Protein backbone atom coordinates (compact mmCIF):
# COMPACT_ATOMS: atom_id res chain seq x y z
CA UNK A 1 113.62 221.20 141.20
CA UNK A 2 113.73 219.75 144.75
CA UNK A 3 112.79 216.34 143.37
CA UNK A 4 115.64 216.52 140.88
CA UNK A 5 118.10 217.47 143.63
CA UNK A 6 116.89 214.61 145.85
CA UNK A 7 117.23 212.14 143.00
CA UNK A 8 120.77 213.33 142.29
CA UNK A 9 121.72 213.00 145.98
CA UNK A 10 120.24 209.49 146.11
CA UNK A 11 122.20 208.45 143.01
CA UNK A 12 125.40 209.91 144.45
CA UNK A 13 124.95 208.01 147.74
CA UNK A 14 124.23 204.79 145.89
CA UNK A 15 127.34 205.19 143.76
CA UNK A 16 129.48 206.05 146.79
CA UNK A 17 128.13 203.06 148.70
CA UNK A 18 128.83 200.84 145.73
CA UNK A 19 132.41 202.04 145.55
CA UNK A 20 132.87 201.39 149.27
CA UNK A 21 131.61 197.85 148.88
CA UNK A 22 133.96 197.27 145.96
CA UNK A 23 136.89 198.59 147.98
CA UNK A 24 136.00 196.28 150.87
CA UNK A 25 135.76 193.32 148.54
CA UNK A 26 139.13 194.20 147.00
CA UNK A 27 140.75 194.48 150.43
CA UNK A 28 139.30 191.13 151.43
CA UNK A 29 140.64 189.48 148.28
CA UNK A 30 144.05 191.10 148.78
CA UNK A 31 144.19 189.73 152.33
CA UNK A 32 143.29 186.26 151.05
CA UNK A 33 146.03 186.45 148.43
CA UNK A 34 148.58 187.54 151.02
CA UNK A 35 147.63 184.62 153.26
CA UNK A 36 147.82 182.16 150.39
CA UNK A 37 151.21 183.55 149.35
CA UNK A 38 152.78 182.26 152.58
CA UNK A 39 154.25 178.83 151.86
CA UNK A 40 153.54 175.97 154.29
CA UNK A 41 157.27 175.65 154.99
CA UNK A 42 157.23 179.21 156.39
CA UNK A 43 154.17 178.70 158.61
CA UNK A 44 153.89 177.55 162.20
CA UNK A 45 153.20 173.78 162.20
CA UNK A 46 150.35 174.45 164.65
CA UNK A 47 148.57 176.40 161.91
CA UNK A 48 149.01 173.64 159.33
CA UNK A 49 146.76 170.64 158.67
CA UNK A 50 147.44 167.95 161.24
CA UNK A 51 148.56 165.36 158.70
CA UNK A 52 151.96 163.88 157.85
CA UNK A 53 152.41 165.86 154.63
CA UNK A 54 152.52 169.10 156.63
CA UNK A 55 153.67 168.01 160.07
CA UNK A 56 156.81 166.36 158.71
CA UNK A 57 159.43 169.10 158.35
CA UNK A 58 161.08 167.82 155.18
CA UNK A 59 157.82 166.97 153.44
CA UNK A 60 156.19 170.37 153.87
CA UNK A 61 159.06 171.98 151.96
CA UNK A 62 157.42 170.54 148.84
CA UNK A 63 153.82 171.44 149.68
CA UNK A 64 152.30 174.27 147.65
CA UNK A 65 149.31 175.25 149.77
CA UNK A 66 147.23 174.19 152.75
CA UNK A 67 144.19 174.09 150.48
CA UNK A 68 142.91 170.54 150.06
CA UNK A 69 142.63 169.95 146.32
CA UNK A 70 140.70 166.69 146.70
CA UNK A 71 139.69 164.80 149.85
CA UNK A 72 142.97 163.56 151.30
CA UNK A 73 145.19 165.16 148.63
CA UNK A 74 147.26 168.37 148.39
CA UNK A 75 149.58 169.78 145.73
CA UNK A 76 153.28 168.96 145.83
CA UNK A 77 155.81 170.90 143.74
CA UNK A 78 159.34 169.75 142.90
CA UNK A 79 162.23 171.88 144.14
CA UNK A 80 163.35 172.44 140.55
CA UNK A 81 159.81 173.75 139.95
CA UNK A 82 159.51 171.27 137.11
CA UNK A 83 156.17 169.68 137.98
CA UNK A 84 153.27 169.48 140.38
CA UNK A 85 151.45 166.36 141.56
CA UNK A 86 148.64 165.38 143.91
CA UNK A 87 150.20 164.19 147.15
CA UNK A 88 148.45 162.02 149.80
CA UNK A 89 148.02 163.66 153.18
CA UNK A 90 149.38 160.63 155.06
CA UNK A 91 152.61 160.39 153.05
CA UNK A 92 156.11 161.45 154.13
CA UNK A 93 159.22 162.49 152.28
CA UNK A 94 161.75 159.69 152.11
CA UNK A 95 164.73 161.11 150.24
CA UNK A 96 165.77 163.90 147.92
CA UNK A 97 168.60 163.69 145.44
CA UNK A 98 169.69 166.09 142.74
CA UNK A 99 171.65 163.65 140.61
CA UNK A 100 174.76 164.71 138.73
CA UNK A 101 173.51 168.16 137.69
CA UNK A 102 170.72 170.68 138.13
CA UNK A 103 168.58 169.04 135.45
CA UNK A 104 167.59 165.98 137.49
CA UNK A 105 165.59 165.52 140.66
CA UNK A 106 164.45 162.48 142.60
CA UNK A 107 161.63 162.57 145.14
CA UNK A 108 160.75 159.48 147.15
CA UNK A 109 157.93 159.19 149.67
CA UNK A 110 156.33 156.56 151.90
CA UNK A 111 152.81 156.06 153.16
CA UNK A 112 151.67 153.48 155.72
CA UNK A 113 148.05 152.67 156.54
CA UNK A 114 148.27 150.82 159.87
CA UNK A 115 144.59 149.91 159.84
CA UNK A 116 144.83 148.17 156.46
CA UNK A 117 148.46 147.10 156.94
CA UNK A 118 149.47 148.58 153.59
CA UNK A 119 152.76 150.28 152.83
CA UNK A 120 153.47 152.43 149.77
CA UNK A 121 157.01 153.24 148.67
CA UNK A 122 157.04 155.66 145.74
CA UNK A 123 159.77 157.30 143.70
CA UNK A 124 159.52 160.09 141.13
CA UNK A 125 162.54 160.88 138.93
CA UNK A 126 162.24 164.16 137.05
CA UNK A 127 164.48 165.18 134.12
CA UNK A 128 164.58 168.52 132.31
CA UNK A 129 166.54 169.97 129.39
CA UNK A 130 167.70 166.50 128.34
CA UNK A 131 167.00 165.17 124.86
CA UNK A 132 166.86 161.46 125.76
CA UNK A 133 163.89 161.93 128.11
CA UNK A 134 161.62 162.68 125.13
CA UNK A 135 162.43 159.37 123.43
CA UNK A 136 159.80 156.79 124.50
CA UNK A 137 161.68 153.80 123.08
CA UNK A 138 164.87 154.65 124.97
CA UNK A 139 163.07 155.44 128.22
CA UNK A 140 160.85 152.36 128.19
CA UNK A 141 163.87 150.12 127.67
CA UNK A 142 165.50 151.78 130.67
CA UNK A 143 162.36 151.26 132.78
CA UNK A 144 162.18 147.60 131.70
CA UNK A 145 165.82 147.07 132.66
CA UNK A 146 165.47 148.77 136.07
CA UNK A 147 162.41 146.67 136.98
CA UNK A 148 163.36 143.33 135.43
CA UNK A 149 160.32 143.52 133.17
CA UNK A 150 159.95 142.22 129.61
CA UNK A 151 156.28 142.95 128.91
CA UNK A 152 154.38 145.75 127.24
CA UNK A 153 153.11 149.05 128.66
CA UNK A 154 149.64 150.50 128.77
CA UNK A 155 149.59 153.95 127.18
CA UNK A 156 147.39 156.61 128.75
CA UNK A 157 146.74 159.79 126.78
CA UNK A 158 146.24 162.58 129.28
CA UNK A 159 145.95 166.17 128.03
CA UNK A 160 149.44 167.31 126.98
CA UNK A 161 151.40 164.25 128.11
CA UNK A 162 151.65 160.56 127.31
CA UNK A 163 151.83 158.10 130.21
CA UNK A 164 153.25 154.59 129.86
CA UNK A 165 152.52 152.25 132.78
CA UNK A 166 153.01 148.58 133.64
CA UNK A 167 153.04 146.41 136.76
CA UNK A 168 154.47 143.16 138.08
CA UNK A 169 154.21 141.02 141.18
CA UNK A 170 157.43 140.53 143.11
CA UNK A 171 158.04 137.72 145.61
CA UNK A 172 160.33 138.07 148.61
CA UNK A 173 162.49 135.22 149.87
CA UNK A 174 160.85 135.04 153.27
CA UNK A 175 158.78 131.95 154.04
CA UNK A 176 157.86 133.21 157.52
CA UNK A 177 155.85 136.11 156.13
CA UNK A 178 152.61 135.02 154.47
CA UNK A 179 152.57 138.38 152.67
CA UNK A 180 155.93 137.75 151.03
CA UNK A 181 155.07 139.62 147.84
CA UNK A 182 154.48 143.13 146.54
CA UNK A 183 152.94 144.84 143.55
CA UNK A 184 155.09 147.37 141.73
CA UNK A 185 153.69 149.87 139.22
CA UNK A 186 156.22 151.69 137.10
CA UNK A 187 156.49 153.69 133.93
CA UNK A 188 157.42 156.82 132.08
CA UNK A 189 155.71 160.14 131.40
CA UNK A 190 156.56 162.09 128.25
CA UNK A 191 155.97 165.82 128.32
CA UNK A 192 155.47 168.01 125.22
CA UNK A 193 158.46 167.69 122.86
CA UNK A 194 159.40 171.37 123.17
CA UNK A 195 159.91 171.12 126.95
CA UNK A 196 162.51 168.34 126.86
CA UNK A 197 161.33 167.11 130.23
CA UNK A 198 159.83 163.88 131.53
CA UNK A 199 159.40 161.56 134.49
CA UNK A 200 160.21 157.98 135.41
CA UNK A 201 158.09 156.67 138.28
CA UNK A 202 157.75 153.65 140.55
CA UNK A 203 155.06 152.80 143.14
CA UNK A 204 155.43 149.65 145.27
CA UNK A 205 152.70 148.31 147.58
CA UNK A 206 153.28 145.66 150.24
CA UNK A 207 151.99 144.35 153.59
CA UNK A 208 154.76 144.96 156.17
CA UNK A 209 153.19 143.18 159.15
CA UNK A 210 152.51 139.46 158.56
CA UNK A 211 150.56 139.24 161.82
CA UNK A 212 147.82 141.58 160.64
CA UNK A 213 145.30 140.98 157.83
CA UNK A 214 146.06 142.62 154.51
CA UNK A 215 144.60 142.63 151.00
CA UNK A 216 146.42 143.89 147.92
CA UNK A 217 143.96 144.38 145.07
CA UNK A 218 146.11 145.04 142.00
CA UNK A 219 143.28 146.69 140.05
CA UNK A 220 142.44 149.05 142.88
CA UNK A 221 146.11 149.82 143.46
CA UNK A 222 146.57 150.43 139.74
CA UNK A 223 143.75 152.99 139.77
CA UNK A 224 145.41 154.74 142.70
CA UNK A 225 148.72 155.00 140.85
CA UNK A 226 146.98 156.27 137.71
CA UNK A 227 145.35 158.99 139.80
CA UNK A 228 148.79 160.13 140.93
CA UNK A 229 150.51 160.13 137.54
CA UNK A 230 147.55 161.66 135.69
CA UNK A 231 147.60 164.56 138.14
CA UNK A 232 151.22 165.44 137.22
CA UNK A 233 151.49 168.78 135.47
CA UNK A 234 154.73 169.94 133.89
CA UNK A 235 155.46 173.58 134.69
CA UNK A 236 156.71 176.04 132.10
CA UNK A 237 159.92 177.95 132.88
């Protein structure tokens, strides 16, 4: 009988201990969730990553979390909550426009690598609840017109969206600058038909300082742009 009682007591203690551990784990997870729920824009800059994406006041309004998704990249979310995209840590917000109505949003950002003397000027135009944005023929003609381009587009199938991308080399009228050219990558992203949303994008790379060495490898730059646009996820409302 004593052995049975001792066994019962041991089982009870084990169960109680197990419950306590579960409660502690739950509390720990709840605390983590509460911490993660605080948006970067509401945090003290001292507690944020010491990179441009978070230290620039306007830029951090778009940042989703301080968690680094990939080395050097964090998640950005549009103010219309229409999409998310990987955002480089050294980039800064350039301008924000909500054109004409609440169904359009433009986000522009710049990134400058002083060591490599490379400047990126990027622009993302997001459209939602508009029928024309789901028509590839119409949108690609618009993109061609805006960029003075008459060629074809490479089509990238990426999960639930179709990405159309092209590039061209532009020359500046400046003989004094030996880097008087840029590479521009542009295109259109079609979301699922039912969402009636899509994106027009443009990424331009150039060497701003003609006194410093600079190399613009169009293939490498193209891969960088594809990384950005492939990361775009349209959010359901």
